[in-house]
Protein backbone atom coordinates (compact mmCIF):
# COMPACT_ATOMS: atom_id res chain seq x y z
CA MET A 1 57.19 136.30 99.11
CA ASP A 2 59.67 138.97 99.32
CA LYS A 3 62.62 139.93 101.93
CA GLU A 4 61.19 142.02 104.18
CA PHE A 5 58.53 139.07 104.93
CA TYR A 6 61.28 136.97 105.63
CA GLU A 7 63.09 139.38 107.17
CA GLY A 8 59.98 140.11 109.54
CA LEU A 9 59.37 136.41 110.42
CA LEU A 10 62.92 136.07 111.73
CA ASP A 11 62.87 139.01 113.96
CA GLN A 12 59.97 136.36 115.34
CA VAL A 13 62.75 134.21 116.17
CA SER A 14 63.83 134.05 119.89
CA ASP A 15 67.17 132.83 119.04
CA GLY A 16 69.51 135.64 117.48
CA VAL A 17 70.91 135.22 114.05
CA TYR A 18 73.33 137.03 112.18
CA PHE A 19 75.22 137.45 108.82
CA VAL A 20 78.92 137.98 107.92
CA THR A 21 80.37 138.31 104.44
CA ARG A 22 84.05 136.73 103.86
CA ASP A 23 85.48 140.36 105.12
CA ARG A 24 83.25 139.56 108.67
CA ARG A 25 81.16 142.61 108.01
CA ILE A 26 77.86 141.84 109.40
CA THR A 27 75.36 142.72 107.20
CA TYR A 28 71.81 141.14 109.14
CA TRP A 29 70.85 141.28 112.33
CA ASN A 30 67.64 139.99 113.75
CA GLY A 31 65.39 140.59 116.86
CA GLY A 32 66.24 138.45 118.72
CA ALA A 33 70.24 138.99 118.52
CA GLU A 34 69.13 142.80 120.12
CA ARG A 35 67.02 140.78 122.61
CA ILE A 36 69.94 138.61 123.66
CA THR A 37 72.51 141.68 123.10
CA GLY A 38 71.24 144.69 123.83
CA TYR A 39 72.93 145.65 120.93
CA SER A 40 70.24 147.17 118.03
CA ALA A 41 70.73 146.52 114.16
CA ASP A 42 71.36 150.11 113.89
CA GLU A 43 75.03 149.73 115.88
CA VAL A 44 76.39 147.22 114.35
CA LEU A 45 75.63 147.03 111.06
CA GLY A 46 78.12 147.57 108.03
CA HIS A 47 80.88 146.55 110.86
CA SER A 48 83.55 144.18 111.80
CA CYS A 49 82.56 141.53 114.38
CA SER A 50 86.26 142.26 114.35
CA GLU A 51 85.85 145.31 115.97
CA GLY A 52 84.56 143.55 119.25
CA ILE A 53 81.16 144.21 119.25
CA LEU A 54 80.28 140.65 121.27
CA ARG A 55 84.14 139.63 122.38
CA HIS A 56 83.18 135.97 122.24
CA VAL A 57 85.51 134.23 124.88
CA ASN A 58 84.84 130.45 126.05
CA ASP A 59 84.53 128.91 129.46
CA ALA A 60 88.62 128.52 129.35
CA GLY A 61 88.87 132.50 129.25
CA ARG A 62 90.19 132.30 125.62
CA GLN A 63 89.45 135.18 123.40
CA LEU A 64 87.45 133.77 120.04
CA CYS A 65 88.70 137.08 118.22
CA LEU A 66 92.48 136.30 118.78
CA HIS A 67 92.86 132.96 118.97
CA GLY A 68 90.58 130.77 116.38
CA CYS A 69 87.62 133.11 115.52
CA PRO A 70 84.65 130.72 115.28
CA LEU A 71 82.84 132.08 112.00
CA ALA A 72 86.82 132.68 110.48
CA GLY A 73 86.80 128.65 110.61
CA VAL A 74 82.97 128.03 109.26
CA MET A 75 84.26 130.33 106.48
CA LYS A 76 87.14 127.84 105.48
CA ASP A 77 86.22 125.20 105.38
CA GLY A 78 82.48 125.21 105.45
CA ARG A 79 81.99 122.89 108.00
CA PRO A 80 79.14 123.41 110.80
CA ARG A 81 80.34 124.02 113.93
CA GLU A 82 78.33 124.30 117.59
CA ALA A 83 79.89 125.49 121.10
CA GLN A 84 78.78 127.02 124.09
CA VAL A 85 81.15 130.95 124.87
CA TYR A 86 79.97 133.70 126.55
CA LEU A 87 79.52 137.08 125.29
CA HIS A 88 78.95 140.81 125.90
CA HIS A 89 76.31 142.69 126.46
CA ARG A 90 76.03 145.70 125.63
CA ASP A 91 75.32 146.45 129.40
CA GLY A 92 78.55 145.16 130.69
CA GLN A 93 78.00 141.64 131.53
CA ARG A 94 78.96 138.52 130.00
CA ILE A 95 75.87 136.38 128.68
CA PRO A 96 76.47 132.72 128.40
CA VAL A 97 74.81 131.17 124.90
CA THR A 98 74.93 128.22 122.32
CA VAL A 99 76.22 129.59 119.02
CA ARG A 100 75.89 127.51 116.05
CA GLY A 101 77.57 128.40 112.98
CA GLN A 102 76.99 127.58 109.07
CA ALA A 103 78.58 128.36 105.71
CA MET A 104 76.23 130.40 103.09
CA ARG A 105 77.02 129.54 99.24
CA ASP A 106 76.11 131.16 96.19
CA PRO A 107 74.64 129.19 93.32
CA ALA A 108 77.91 127.57 92.34
CA GLY A 109 78.63 126.53 95.53
CA ALA A 110 81.47 129.10 96.84
CA ILE A 111 81.19 130.27 100.37
CA VAL A 112 79.69 133.89 100.22
CA GLY A 113 80.09 133.92 104.67
CA SER A 114 78.63 132.78 107.70
CA VAL A 115 75.39 133.03 109.30
CA GLU A 116 75.59 132.26 113.16
CA VAL A 117 72.63 131.82 115.19
CA PHE A 118 72.77 131.81 119.19
CA SER A 119 70.82 131.19 121.74
CA ALA A 120 70.66 132.14 125.84
CA ARG A 121 71.87 129.47 128.55
CA VAL A 122 70.24 130.11 131.52
CA THR A 123 72.66 128.37 134.02
CA ASN A 124 71.32 130.09 137.39
CA PRO A 125 68.11 131.47 137.94
CA TYR A 126 69.42 134.82 139.83
CA ALA A 127 70.58 135.45 137.00
CA ASP A 128 67.50 136.62 135.74
CA LEU A 129 66.45 137.63 138.89
CA ALA A 130 69.56 139.59 138.81
CA ARG A 131 68.44 141.29 135.23
CA LEU A 132 64.25 141.57 136.20
CA ARG A 133 65.24 143.01 139.73
CA GLY A 134 61.77 142.68 140.78
CA ASP A 135 61.37 140.58 144.00
CA ASP A 136 61.08 143.33 147.03
CA SER A 137 62.83 140.68 148.87
CA LEU A 138 66.47 140.86 147.36
CA ASP A 139 69.06 143.38 146.96
CA LEU A 140 67.82 146.45 145.09
CA VAL A 141 70.83 147.10 143.36
CA THR A 142 71.72 144.16 142.28
CA GLY A 143 68.76 142.58 142.60
CA LEU A 144 70.63 139.47 144.30
CA PRO A 145 69.50 137.43 147.84
CA PRO A 146 70.90 140.05 150.72
CA ARG A 147 73.33 139.18 153.36
CA ARG A 148 70.38 138.62 155.82
CA LEU A 149 68.80 135.67 153.02
CA GLY A 150 72.39 133.88 152.47
CA GLU A 151 73.10 133.86 155.84
CA LEU A 152 69.67 131.57 156.24
CA HIS A 153 70.48 129.91 153.80
CA LEU A 154 73.83 129.42 154.60
CA GLN A 155 73.06 127.83 158.05
CA THR A 156 70.51 125.37 155.97
CA LEU A 157 73.12 123.99 153.99
CA LEU A 158 76.13 124.24 156.98
CA THR A 159 73.71 121.87 158.75
CA SER A 160 73.69 119.33 155.64
CA VAL A 161 77.08 119.67 155.74
CA THR A 162 77.34 117.84 159.26
CA GLU A 163 74.76 116.15 160.10
CA GLN A 164 74.32 114.40 156.42
CA GLY A 165 78.01 114.37 154.94
CA SER A 166 77.40 116.68 152.31
CA THR A 167 79.80 119.26 150.92
CA LEU A 168 79.71 122.68 150.62
CA GLY A 169 81.91 125.39 148.77
CA VAL A 170 81.75 129.11 149.57
CA LEU A 171 83.52 132.09 147.73
CA PHE A 172 83.81 135.73 148.50
CA ILE A 173 84.21 138.15 146.28
CA ASP A 174 85.87 141.82 146.63
CA ALA A 175 85.81 144.17 143.71
CA ASP A 176 88.74 145.86 142.94
CA HIS A 177 89.53 149.09 143.39
CA PHE A 178 85.60 149.65 143.16
CA LYS A 179 86.10 153.62 145.07
CA ASP A 180 87.55 154.75 142.15
CA VAL A 181 84.49 154.50 139.72
CA ASN A 182 81.93 156.19 142.29
CA ASP A 183 84.60 158.82 142.62
CA THR A 184 85.21 159.26 138.72
CA PHE A 185 81.37 158.39 137.20
CA GLY A 186 79.83 158.98 140.45
CA HIS A 187 77.40 156.90 142.43
CA ARG A 188 75.25 155.93 139.71
CA THR A 189 78.01 154.42 137.30
CA GLY A 190 79.03 152.69 140.59
CA ASP A 191 75.54 150.95 141.20
CA ASP A 192 75.65 149.74 136.94
CA VAL A 193 79.15 148.48 137.63
CA LEU A 194 77.98 146.34 140.53
CA ARG A 195 74.93 145.13 138.81
CA MET A 196 77.15 144.54 135.64
CA VAL A 197 79.14 142.23 138.27
CA ALA A 198 76.35 140.20 139.52
CA GLN A 199 75.10 139.37 136.16
CA SER A 200 78.06 138.15 135.29
CA LEU A 201 78.87 136.82 138.53
CA ALA A 202 75.49 134.92 138.69
CA ASN A 203 75.54 133.86 134.85
CA GLY A 204 79.23 131.50 135.57
CA LEU A 205 77.08 129.91 138.10
CA ARG A 206 75.25 126.40 137.99
CA ARG A 207 71.57 126.18 138.72
CA GLY A 208 71.72 125.33 142.28
CA ASP A 209 74.66 128.16 143.76
CA VAL A 210 73.63 130.66 145.46
CA PRO A 211 75.03 133.85 144.74
CA MET A 212 74.59 136.94 147.42
CA ARG A 213 75.24 140.70 147.56
CA TRP A 214 77.20 140.44 151.30
CA GLY A 215 77.66 144.37 151.59
CA GLY A 216 78.96 147.13 149.73
CA GLU A 217 81.42 145.63 146.71
CA GLU A 218 81.36 142.35 148.45
CA PHE A 219 79.38 139.35 147.23
CA LEU A 220 79.21 135.60 149.03
CA VAL A 221 78.28 132.18 146.24
CA LEU A 222 77.43 128.96 147.77
CA LEU A 223 78.41 126.40 145.97
CA PRO A 224 76.34 123.04 147.31
CA GLY A 225 77.81 119.50 146.44
CA SER A 226 80.97 120.94 145.59
CA ASP A 227 84.13 119.69 145.40
CA ARG A 228 87.77 121.47 145.79
CA VAL A 229 87.96 121.22 142.13
CA GLY A 230 84.57 122.43 141.22
CA LEU A 231 85.49 125.21 143.52
CA GLU A 232 88.23 126.12 142.42
CA ALA A 233 86.82 125.91 138.48
CA THR A 234 84.06 128.08 139.61
CA ALA A 235 86.10 130.72 140.98
CA GLU A 236 88.46 131.23 138.42
CA ARG A 237 85.54 130.77 135.64
CA VAL A 238 83.62 134.31 137.48
CA ARG A 239 86.84 135.48 138.12
CA MET A 240 87.70 135.59 134.22
CA LEU A 241 83.82 137.04 133.77
CA ILE A 242 83.90 139.60 135.27
CA GLU A 243 87.36 140.65 134.55
CA ASN A 244 85.61 140.90 130.60
CA SER A 245 83.42 142.59 131.59
CA TRP A 246 82.75 146.51 131.44
CA ILE A 247 80.15 149.21 130.66
CA GLN A 248 81.42 151.82 127.71
CA LYS A 249 81.47 155.36 129.09
CA GLY A 250 82.02 156.93 125.61
CA ASP A 251 85.83 156.81 125.05
CA VAL A 252 86.37 154.91 128.35
CA GLN A 253 85.58 152.06 129.51
CA ALA A 254 84.09 151.20 133.89
CA ARG A 255 85.04 148.17 134.94
CA VAL A 256 86.42 146.36 137.96
CA THR A 257 88.36 143.23 139.00
CA VAL A 258 88.08 141.43 141.97
CA SER A 259 89.79 139.49 144.05
CA VAL A 260 88.46 135.84 145.32
CA GLY A 261 88.99 133.46 148.29
CA ALA A 262 87.48 129.96 147.89
CA THR A 263 87.08 127.52 150.56
CA MET A 264 85.62 124.32 151.23
CA ALA A 265 83.09 124.16 154.52
CA LEU A 266 84.80 121.69 157.88
CA PRO A 267 81.80 119.48 158.90
CA THR A 268 82.60 121.05 162.69
CA GLU A 269 82.77 124.72 161.69
CA THR A 270 80.63 127.89 162.15
CA ALA A 271 79.27 129.73 159.70
CA GLU A 272 81.50 132.37 161.01
CA GLU A 273 83.97 130.35 160.83
CA LEU A 274 83.66 129.37 157.51
CA VAL A 275 83.20 133.08 156.43
CA ASP A 276 86.13 134.32 158.17
CA ARG A 277 88.45 131.81 156.18
CA ALA A 278 87.05 133.10 152.41
CA ASP A 279 87.36 136.15 153.35
CA ARG A 280 91.40 135.73 154.74
CA TYR A 281 91.77 134.51 151.80
CA MET A 282 89.87 137.06 149.59
CA TYR A 283 92.82 139.44 151.00
CA SER A 284 95.41 137.04 150.47
CA SER A 285 94.34 137.81 146.74
CA LYS A 286 94.68 141.19 147.22
CA LYS A 287 98.14 141.46 148.89
CA ARG A 288 99.02 139.29 145.86
CA GLY A 289 98.14 141.71 143.40
CA ARG A 290 94.19 141.49 142.97
CA ASN A 291 92.21 140.05 140.21
CA ARG A 292 93.48 136.55 141.57
CA VAL A 293 91.74 133.69 143.11
CA THR A 294 93.23 132.11 146.23
CA SER A 295 92.11 128.36 147.54
CA ASP A 296 92.77 126.05 150.68
CA ALA A 297 95.12 125.06 148.19
CA GLY A 298 96.95 128.03 147.67
CA GLU A 299 96.80 130.72 145.06
CA LEU A 300 95.49 129.32 141.69
CA THR A 301 97.44 130.12 138.17
CA SER A 302 95.01 131.41 135.70
CA THR A 303 95.49 130.19 132.15
CA ALA A 304 92.86 132.75 130.81
CA ASP A 305 93.80 135.47 128.17
CA ARG A 306 94.10 138.64 128.89
CA PRO A 307 90.94 140.97 128.29
CA LEU A 308 90.40 142.83 125.20
CA LEU A 309 90.19 146.33 126.58
CA GLY A 310 86.88 147.37 124.08
CA ILE A 311 85.80 149.49 120.64
CA GLY A 312 88.56 152.34 120.67
CA VAL A 313 91.93 150.85 120.89
CA PRO A 314 93.82 149.57 117.96
CA TRP A 315 95.28 145.78 118.21
CA GLU A 316 97.44 144.63 115.40
CA MET A 317 96.01 140.71 115.27
CA PRO A 318 98.74 139.14 112.97
CA GLY A 319 97.20 135.94 110.89
CA GLN A 320 98.03 133.18 113.18
CA THR A 321 96.96 129.62 112.62
CA ASP A 322 95.17 127.85 116.20
CA VAL A 323 91.78 125.86 117.00
CA ASP A 324 89.28 127.44 116.73
CA ALA A 325 86.26 127.40 119.67
CA PHE A 326 84.34 124.34 117.50
CA GLY A 327 87.62 121.99 117.76
CA SER A 328 88.48 122.64 113.92
CA GLY A 329 91.60 124.64 112.91
CA SER A 330 91.02 128.31 111.28
CA VAL A 331 93.38 131.59 110.77
CA CYS A 332 91.89 134.14 112.65
CA SER A 333 93.14 138.05 111.15
CA GLY A 334 92.25 141.64 110.58
CA SER A 335 93.10 144.46 112.85
CA ILE A 336 90.64 146.97 114.82
CA SER A 337 90.76 150.10 113.91
CA VAL A 338 90.00 153.12 116.10
CA THR A 339 89.39 156.83 116.71
CA GLU A 340 89.60 157.27 120.08
CA PRO A 341 91.63 156.04 122.90
CA VAL A 342 89.91 154.05 125.71
CA ARG A 343 91.06 154.26 129.17
CA GLN A 344 90.96 152.14 132.03
CA VAL A 345 89.80 153.15 135.56
CA ALA A 346 92.99 152.40 137.60
CA SER A 347 94.95 153.23 140.92
CA THR A 348 97.26 152.18 142.91
CA ARG A 349 95.26 152.44 146.00
CA THR A 350 94.15 149.69 148.54
CA PRO A 351 91.88 148.31 148.00
């Protein structure tokens, strides 16, 4: 069998498969990788993974290109590893995947590179609905349940809180400076950004959680069965994922952050009282600088890394020893060279 046969065989595998050399150049990218990430082989072959094509972050928001590159760890000691991370899709959103790294050796046993196999993780069914947008009962832009359906979900869950002692967490989420996106790029890109936010949001939730578009650039999330710790962890995770999402428009990124209010339902309150409290917490996040979470316990302190700002910005990343994504010490080094700068849409206006 020739090389083309085996490459064609791998293209039929649903998992993504790619190979990097010792200098971390991508030399193979299968059909599964194209389907999961949205990036074609032509767009990635010959490029270094440190150029930020996938930009893996873990659940805590650690930028893995800066803190323990998983492939670098595999190539350092030859041990296979597995982890759950979030990659950056070509359309902007963050996708949860399980990645497995394996060293590749030549006939003499020397490590010549590493192969990574990754598969998509379905954490919340609304993520697929948001991606497909094929249900007429859902919001036409984001693919999430609209407010009218969300209010029905909320009332049902509140009844369970009152009558059965169940728990319910609520997140009120608002995109920061969204008007600037529409003013700069136009409403079509604005819709794309809302869709990106919706998908990153849904991808950060558990299977039973219910995200919805509440109106404009506002979203509400229902977290049945959650406690305060889980509520705050989910709020910070979706904030981090949206902060690390962007749509590349030439040398410019269309991106937003979000301000989040997080609260637990009380047994005797109405839906309006619950949502109003979450809304007040969200505005408290706005007043304190945006891109943060305020909960019943006050403002949360994020430990996530600041996001890397996309293809086009020169970062010097000196070698550093750290714990890689798979739990082993490694050295991640390199630099990202560019030809044009990347700009962020920024504003001092409110909201």
